[in-house]
Protein backbone atom coordinates (compact mmCIF):
# COMPACT_ATOMS: atom_id res chain seq x y z
CA UNK A 1 139.75 -152.21 -67.07
CA UNK A 2 137.91 -150.10 -64.63
CA UNK A 3 137.27 -151.24 -61.15
CA UNK A 4 133.77 -150.98 -59.77
CA UNK A 5 135.07 -148.34 -56.91
CA UNK A 6 136.19 -146.14 -60.24
CA UNK A 7 132.96 -146.64 -61.68
CA UNK A 8 130.74 -145.94 -58.75
CA UNK A 9 132.84 -143.09 -57.63
CA UNK A 10 130.18 -140.28 -57.91
CA UNK A 11 127.72 -141.76 -55.81
CA UNK A 12 130.10 -142.03 -52.86
CA UNK A 13 128.90 -138.65 -51.55
CA UNK A 14 125.29 -139.99 -51.51
CA UNK A 15 126.12 -143.42 -49.73
CA UNK A 16 127.55 -141.24 -46.75
CA UNK A 17 123.97 -139.75 -46.07
CA UNK A 18 121.41 -141.50 -43.82
CA UNK A 19 117.89 -141.28 -45.36
CA UNK A 20 115.36 -140.27 -42.70
CA UNK A 21 111.40 -140.63 -42.42
CA UNK A 22 110.13 -137.40 -43.67
CA UNK A 23 107.51 -135.73 -41.29
CA UNK A 24 104.08 -135.36 -42.58
CA UNK A 25 102.69 -132.08 -43.09
CA UNK A 26 99.56 -132.56 -41.21
CA UNK A 27 98.22 -135.07 -38.30
CA UNK A 28 97.56 -138.52 -38.67
CA UNK A 29 93.83 -138.14 -38.65
CA UNK A 30 93.92 -134.97 -40.60
CA UNK A 31 92.54 -136.98 -43.68
CA UNK A 32 89.56 -138.17 -42.18
CA UNK A 33 86.87 -139.54 -42.97
CA UNK A 34 88.73 -140.61 -46.55
CA UNK A 35 91.80 -142.18 -44.69
CA UNK A 36 91.55 -142.93 -40.99
CA UNK A 37 94.29 -141.91 -38.42
CA UNK A 38 94.98 -145.59 -37.36
CA UNK A 39 95.78 -146.44 -41.16
CA UNK A 40 98.06 -143.12 -41.60
CA UNK A 41 99.86 -143.87 -38.30
CA UNK A 42 100.74 -147.37 -39.18
CA UNK A 43 101.08 -146.79 -42.78
CA UNK A 44 104.00 -143.86 -41.88
CA UNK A 45 105.54 -144.71 -38.58
CA UNK A 46 105.84 -148.20 -39.53
CA UNK A 47 105.68 -149.14 -43.36
CA UNK A 48 107.35 -146.17 -44.62
CA UNK A 49 110.02 -146.48 -41.80
CA UNK A 50 110.64 -149.67 -42.72
CA UNK A 51 111.47 -148.62 -46.09
CA UNK A 52 113.83 -146.10 -44.70
CA UNK A 53 115.73 -148.15 -42.42
CA UNK A 54 116.30 -151.01 -44.87
CA UNK A 55 117.15 -148.53 -47.39
CA UNK A 56 120.22 -147.35 -45.48
CA UNK A 57 121.11 -150.77 -44.52
CA UNK A 58 121.35 -151.77 -48.14
CA UNK A 59 123.28 -148.50 -49.13
CA UNK A 60 125.85 -149.48 -46.39
CA UNK A 61 126.08 -152.87 -47.96
CA UNK A 62 126.61 -151.39 -51.36
CA UNK A 63 129.15 -149.04 -49.95
CA UNK A 64 131.11 -152.33 -48.42
CA UNK A 65 130.62 -153.81 -51.83
CA UNK A 66 132.31 -150.94 -53.87
CA UNK A 67 135.09 -150.57 -51.38
CA UNK A 68 135.81 -154.22 -51.89
CA UNK A 69 135.37 -154.16 -55.62
CA UNK A 70 133.00 -156.85 -55.18
CA UNK A 71 130.84 -156.73 -58.60
CA UNK A 72 128.72 -159.76 -57.59
CA UNK A 73 127.98 -158.57 -54.19
CA UNK A 74 126.87 -155.08 -55.53
CA UNK A 75 124.67 -156.25 -58.20
CA UNK A 76 122.76 -158.73 -55.74
CA UNK A 77 121.55 -155.87 -53.89
CA UNK A 78 119.73 -154.25 -56.84
CA UNK A 79 116.54 -155.67 -55.96
CA UNK A 80 116.57 -154.43 -52.31
CA UNK A 81 117.78 -151.02 -53.35
CA UNK A 82 114.94 -150.75 -55.91
CA UNK A 83 112.11 -152.06 -53.51
CA UNK A 84 113.17 -150.24 -50.47
CA UNK A 85 114.45 -147.09 -52.24
CA UNK A 86 111.18 -146.89 -54.15
CA UNK A 87 109.13 -147.44 -51.14
CA UNK A 88 110.78 -144.41 -49.61
CA UNK A 89 110.58 -142.17 -52.73
CA UNK A 90 107.04 -142.99 -53.30
CA UNK A 91 105.81 -142.58 -49.90
CA UNK A 92 107.62 -139.56 -49.97
CA UNK A 93 105.62 -138.02 -52.97
CA UNK A 94 102.38 -139.45 -51.60
CA UNK A 95 102.07 -137.82 -48.24
CA UNK A 96 102.65 -134.68 -50.05
CA UNK A 97 100.32 -135.36 -52.72
CA UNK A 98 97.29 -135.41 -50.06
CA UNK A 99 95.98 -132.81 -47.85
CA UNK A 100 92.95 -132.11 -45.39
CA UNK A 101 92.27 -129.07 -47.59
CA UNK A 102 92.38 -131.18 -51.04
CA UNK A 103 89.97 -132.48 -53.44
CA UNK A 104 88.44 -130.53 -56.15
CA UNK A 105 90.23 -130.38 -59.29
CA UNK A 106 93.33 -128.24 -60.39
CA UNK A 107 93.53 -125.00 -62.05
CA UNK A 108 95.82 -123.24 -64.26
CA UNK A 109 98.15 -125.20 -66.63
CA UNK A 110 97.91 -128.42 -65.28
CA UNK A 111 94.12 -128.20 -65.69
CA UNK A 112 94.19 -127.16 -69.09
CA UNK A 113 96.99 -129.96 -70.01
CA UNK A 114 94.46 -132.39 -68.53
CA UNK A 115 91.52 -131.62 -70.36
CA UNK A 116 93.52 -131.21 -73.46
CA UNK A 117 94.85 -134.71 -73.20
CA UNK A 118 91.85 -136.70 -71.62
CA UNK A 119 88.83 -134.71 -73.02
CA UNK A 120 87.81 -133.79 -69.52
CA UNK A 121 89.01 -133.74 -65.86
CA UNK A 122 86.07 -136.15 -64.97
CA UNK A 123 87.40 -138.41 -67.95
CA UNK A 124 90.90 -138.57 -66.69
CA UNK A 125 89.64 -139.40 -63.24
CA UNK A 126 87.78 -142.35 -64.50
CA UNK A 127 90.78 -143.29 -66.53
CA UNK A 128 93.11 -143.00 -63.84
CA UNK A 129 90.81 -144.79 -61.18
CA UNK A 130 90.49 -147.61 -63.65
CA UNK A 131 94.06 -148.28 -63.99
CA UNK A 132 95.09 -147.93 -60.64
CA UNK A 133 92.22 -150.32 -59.45
CA UNK A 134 93.32 -152.86 -62.18
CA UNK A 135 96.86 -152.91 -60.83
CA UNK A 136 97.18 -156.97 -59.98
CA UNK A 137 98.27 -157.19 -56.27
CA UNK A 138 100.35 -154.36 -54.95
CA UNK A 139 101.48 -151.37 -56.56
CA UNK A 140 100.87 -147.66 -57.50
CA UNK A 141 98.92 -145.91 -59.96
CA UNK A 142 100.39 -142.84 -61.27
CA UNK A 143 100.16 -139.44 -63.30
CA UNK A 144 103.38 -138.78 -64.73
CA UNK A 145 105.10 -136.42 -67.17
CA UNK A 146 106.89 -137.41 -70.27
CA UNK A 147 109.21 -134.39 -70.42
CA UNK A 148 110.37 -135.15 -73.74
CA UNK A 149 106.93 -134.62 -75.51
CA UNK A 150 105.56 -132.79 -72.50
CA UNK A 151 102.67 -135.21 -72.35
CA UNK A 152 100.81 -136.42 -69.53
CA UNK A 153 100.84 -140.40 -68.60
CA UNK A 154 98.60 -142.48 -66.74
CA UNK A 155 100.88 -145.50 -65.64
CA UNK A 156 101.10 -148.19 -63.42
CA UNK A 157 104.02 -149.54 -61.17
CA UNK A 158 103.95 -152.80 -59.62
CA UNK A 159 105.48 -153.17 -56.07
CA UNK A 160 107.41 -150.17 -55.12
CA UNK A 161 108.95 -149.44 -58.33
CA UNK A 162 109.73 -145.93 -58.63
CA UNK A 163 108.19 -144.41 -61.68
CA UNK A 164 110.80 -142.21 -62.75
CA UNK A 165 113.83 -144.77 -62.25
CA UNK A 166 111.88 -147.35 -64.04
CA UNK A 167 109.74 -145.33 -67.02
CA UNK A 168 111.44 -142.29 -67.21
CA UNK A 169 108.36 -140.45 -66.32
CA UNK A 170 108.18 -137.48 -63.83
CA UNK A 171 105.87 -138.50 -60.95
CA UNK A 172 103.09 -135.94 -60.32
CA UNK A 173 100.46 -137.96 -58.25
CA UNK A 174 100.75 -141.41 -57.11
CA UNK A 175 98.06 -143.58 -55.61
CA UNK A 176 99.25 -146.15 -53.23
CA UNK A 177 97.21 -149.41 -53.73
CA UNK A 178 99.18 -151.59 -51.30
CA UNK A 179 96.59 -153.20 -48.78
CA UNK A 180 98.24 -151.41 -45.97
CA UNK A 181 97.03 -148.00 -47.36
CA UNK A 182 93.50 -148.93 -46.97
CA UNK A 183 92.37 -152.11 -46.01
CA UNK A 184 91.83 -151.53 -42.13
CA UNK A 185 89.16 -149.05 -43.44
CA UNK A 186 88.03 -150.40 -46.81
CA UNK A 187 88.97 -154.23 -46.23
CA UNK A 188 89.21 -155.74 -50.03
CA UNK A 189 86.92 -152.97 -51.54
CA UNK A 190 89.63 -151.28 -53.28
CA UNK A 191 87.40 -149.11 -55.67
CA UNK A 192 85.69 -147.40 -52.91
CA UNK A 193 89.04 -146.28 -51.64
CA UNK A 194 90.43 -145.19 -54.98
CA UNK A 195 86.98 -143.45 -55.37
CA UNK A 196 87.27 -141.63 -51.98
CA UNK A 197 91.06 -140.60 -52.22
CA UNK A 198 89.96 -137.77 -54.91
CA UNK A 199 88.73 -135.89 -51.92
CA UNK A 200 92.10 -135.55 -50.30
CA UNK A 201 94.12 -134.98 -53.22
CA UNK A 202 96.42 -131.95 -53.22
CA UNK A 203 96.26 -130.28 -56.35
CA UNK A 204 98.70 -127.37 -55.41
CA UNK A 205 101.33 -130.00 -54.83
CA UNK A 206 100.70 -131.80 -58.21
CA UNK A 207 100.68 -128.62 -60.04
CA UNK A 208 104.02 -127.64 -58.51
CA UNK A 209 105.58 -130.92 -59.43
CA UNK A 210 104.09 -130.49 -63.06
CA UNK A 211 105.37 -126.71 -63.52
CA UNK A 212 108.65 -127.60 -62.11
CA UNK A 213 108.92 -130.67 -64.32
CA UNK A 214 108.50 -128.10 -67.46
CA UNK A 215 110.82 -125.90 -66.46
């Protein structure tokens, strides 16, 4: 019977790497007035940083469990690994999905795909906004790609569940609706935040992810 160390051997290299907080490609106040600088600073330097630090801690514990061939200990870390790993993955995409020069709508193949599947870009925005606003509690609204049939999919993920790891969809565009992403500015009016965030969506980044996923 294979021991835990043997089974998880391919992931040992990954466990040696410390995750780090990515720098933002813009200043904290660059997305104003859509998202104010205070929210961005707290969201990035506090919340995202916490996910990164906790992920490193969990992976160290996993490394120890693997070394001891302790299956129970390794399995007990699944929830923390998914939560903090998902938080790191989701936010790393989120920062790139936004830009002070964003807004408008995409072009090229991505726009064609959106219009083909959702009738129009405005219809797509309405459907994704509605799905995102409807998330109960905390979570993320996503536009993802099903690489098997090349179809775009609007999805909801609770908490920090990462889209690809939990659904198989490749993440293209994510909208964070944890209250720490908007409460200081929009209070409990999530619809206003979701409506506003379209003005800073970085469609170049979304299109790049789409084209890469298709290749």
